[in-house]
Amino acid sequence: MMHSSTYEYLKPTDEQLRHMAIVRAAAKAYNDVLDAWLPPGPDKTVIIRTHRTNAMWANVAITRHPDGTPRS
């Protein structure tokens, strides 16, 4: 069962914000490589959109435990 706050807004701590910025910068750098080197087309679109989803899930992993409980 998921934590009751799983679908509520969770304000990240200052430390979590720093971690998110580092992960987001790495995700952006990888996105730039994908964008520069993959040929245009639907596969590229799926890859970049999926990568964006992964980057968003990284934020969740930084702020919550697998059951949705907020990390302190």
C-alpha atoms as a PDB file:
ATOM      1  CA  MET A   1       0.000   0.000   0.000  1.00  0.00           C
ATOM      2  CA  MET A   2       1.233   3.460  -0.876  1.00  0.00           C
ATOM      3  CA  HIS A   3       1.756   6.166   1.751  1.00  0.00           C
ATOM      4  CA  SER A   4      -1.230   8.503   2.138  1.00  0.00           C
ATOM      5  CA  SER A   5       0.800  11.480   0.867  1.00  0.00           C
ATOM      6  CA  THR A   6       2.054   9.713  -2.285  1.00  0.00           C
ATOM      7  CA  TYR A   7      -0.122  11.803  -4.625  1.00  0.00           C
ATOM      8  CA  GLU A   8       0.216  15.050  -2.700  1.00  0.00           C
ATOM      9  CA  TYR A   9       2.762  17.794  -3.251  1.00  0.00           C
ATOM     10  CA  LEU A  10       5.948  17.199  -1.295  1.00  0.00           C
ATOM     11  CA  LYS A  11       8.231  20.193  -0.932  1.00  0.00           C
ATOM     12  CA  PRO A  12      11.835  18.962  -1.260  1.00  0.00           C
ATOM     13  CA  THR A  13      14.343  19.816   1.432  1.00  0.00           C
ATOM     14  CA  ASP A  14      17.256  22.086   0.550  1.00  0.00           C
ATOM     15  CA  GLU A  15      19.543  19.050   0.365  1.00  0.00           C
ATOM     16  CA  GLN A  16      17.092  17.224  -1.901  1.00  0.00           C
ATOM     17  CA  LEU A  17      16.915  20.300  -4.143  1.00  0.00           C
ATOM     18  CA  ARG A  18      20.711  20.228  -4.484  1.00  0.00           C
ATOM     19  CA  HIS A  19      20.595  16.530  -5.390  1.00  0.00           C
ATOM     20  CA  MET A  20      17.809  17.170  -7.901  1.00  0.00           C
ATOM     21  CA  ALA A  21      19.829  19.935  -9.560  1.00  0.00           C
ATOM     22  CA  ILE A  22      22.793  17.592 -10.004  1.00  0.00           C
ATOM     23  CA  VAL A  23      20.646  14.798 -11.449  1.00  0.00           C
ATOM     24  CA  ARG A  24      18.745  17.265 -13.652  1.00  0.00           C
ATOM     25  CA  ALA A  25      22.013  18.661 -15.064  1.00  0.00           C
ATOM     26  CA  ALA A  26      23.189  15.129 -15.878  1.00  0.00           C
ATOM     27  CA  ALA A  27      19.836  14.322 -17.500  1.00  0.00           C
ATOM     28  CA  LYS A  28      20.058  17.508 -19.579  1.00  0.00           C
ATOM     29  CA  ALA A  29      23.594  16.632 -20.696  1.00  0.00           C
ATOM     30  CA  TYR A  30      22.453  13.163 -21.786  1.00  0.00           C
ATOM     31  CA  ASN A  31      19.443  14.684 -23.548  1.00  0.00           C
ATOM     32  CA  ASP A  32      21.787  16.935 -25.500  1.00  0.00           C
ATOM     33  CA  VAL A  33      23.802  13.893 -26.630  1.00  0.00           C
ATOM     34  CA  LEU A  34      20.644  12.048 -27.664  1.00  0.00           C
ATOM     35  CA  ASP A  35      19.346  15.071 -29.524  1.00  0.00           C
ATOM     36  CA  ALA A  36      22.639  15.642 -31.327  1.00  0.00           C
ATOM     37  CA  TRP A  37      23.336  12.055 -32.348  1.00  0.00           C
ATOM     38  CA  LEU A  38      20.023  10.322 -32.924  1.00  0.00           C
ATOM     39  CA  PRO A  39      18.446  10.667 -36.351  1.00  0.00           C
ATOM     40  CA  PRO A  40      15.105  12.485 -36.476  1.00  0.00           C
ATOM     41  CA  GLY A  41      12.016  10.356 -36.292  1.00  0.00           C
ATOM     42  CA  PRO A  42       9.523   8.682 -33.999  1.00  0.00           C
ATOM     43  CA  ASP A  43      12.155   6.527 -32.261  1.00  0.00           C
ATOM     44  CA  LYS A  44      14.118   9.619 -31.257  1.00  0.00           C
ATOM     45  CA  THR A  45      10.933  11.209 -29.971  1.00  0.00           C
ATOM     46  CA  VAL A  46      10.108   8.166 -27.836  1.00  0.00           C
ATOM     47  CA  ILE A  47      13.665   7.932 -26.507  1.00  0.00           C
ATOM     48  CA  ILE A  48      13.812  11.592 -25.491  1.00  0.00           C
ATOM     49  CA  ARG A  49      10.326  11.556 -23.943  1.00  0.00           C
ATOM     50  CA  THR A  50      11.125   8.371 -22.041  1.00  0.00           C
ATOM     51  CA  HIS A  51      14.375   9.902 -20.829  1.00  0.00           C
ATOM     52  CA  ARG A  52      12.400  12.921 -19.591  1.00  0.00           C
ATOM     53  CA  THR A  53      10.085  10.578 -17.710  1.00  0.00           C
ATOM     54  CA  ASN A  54      13.106   8.880 -16.138  1.00  0.00           C
ATOM     55  CA  ALA A  55      14.440  12.257 -15.044  1.00  0.00           C
ATOM     56  CA  MET A  56      11.111  13.071 -13.378  1.00  0.00           C
ATOM     57  CA  TRP A  57      11.094   9.696 -11.598  1.00  0.00           C
ATOM     58  CA  ALA A  58      14.599  10.469 -10.339  1.00  0.00           C
ATOM     59  CA  ASN A  59      13.096  13.420  -8.462  1.00  0.00           C
ATOM     60  CA  VAL A  60      10.570  11.078  -6.874  1.00  0.00           C
ATOM     61  CA  ALA A  61      13.354   8.697  -5.853  1.00  0.00           C
ATOM     62  CA  ILE A  62      15.196  11.589  -4.212  1.00  0.00           C
ATOM     63  CA  THR A  63      12.167  12.735  -2.211  1.00  0.00           C
ATOM     64  CA  ARG A  64      10.281   9.507  -1.430  1.00  0.00           C
ATOM     65  CA  HIS A  65      10.872   5.931  -0.348  1.00  0.00           C
ATOM     66  CA  PRO A  66       9.456   3.197  -2.646  1.00  0.00           C
ATOM     67  CA  ASP A  67       6.193   3.089  -0.646  1.00  0.00           C
ATOM     68  CA  GLY A  68       5.698   6.850  -1.079  1.00  0.00           C
ATOM     69  CA  THR A  69       6.815   7.764   2.432  1.00  0.00           C
ATOM     70  CA  PRO A  70       8.640  11.104   2.353  1.00  0.00           C
ATOM     71  CA  ARG A  71      12.417  10.933   2.828  1.00  0.00           C
ATOM     72  CA  SER A  72      13.723  13.209   5.525  1.00  0.00           C
END
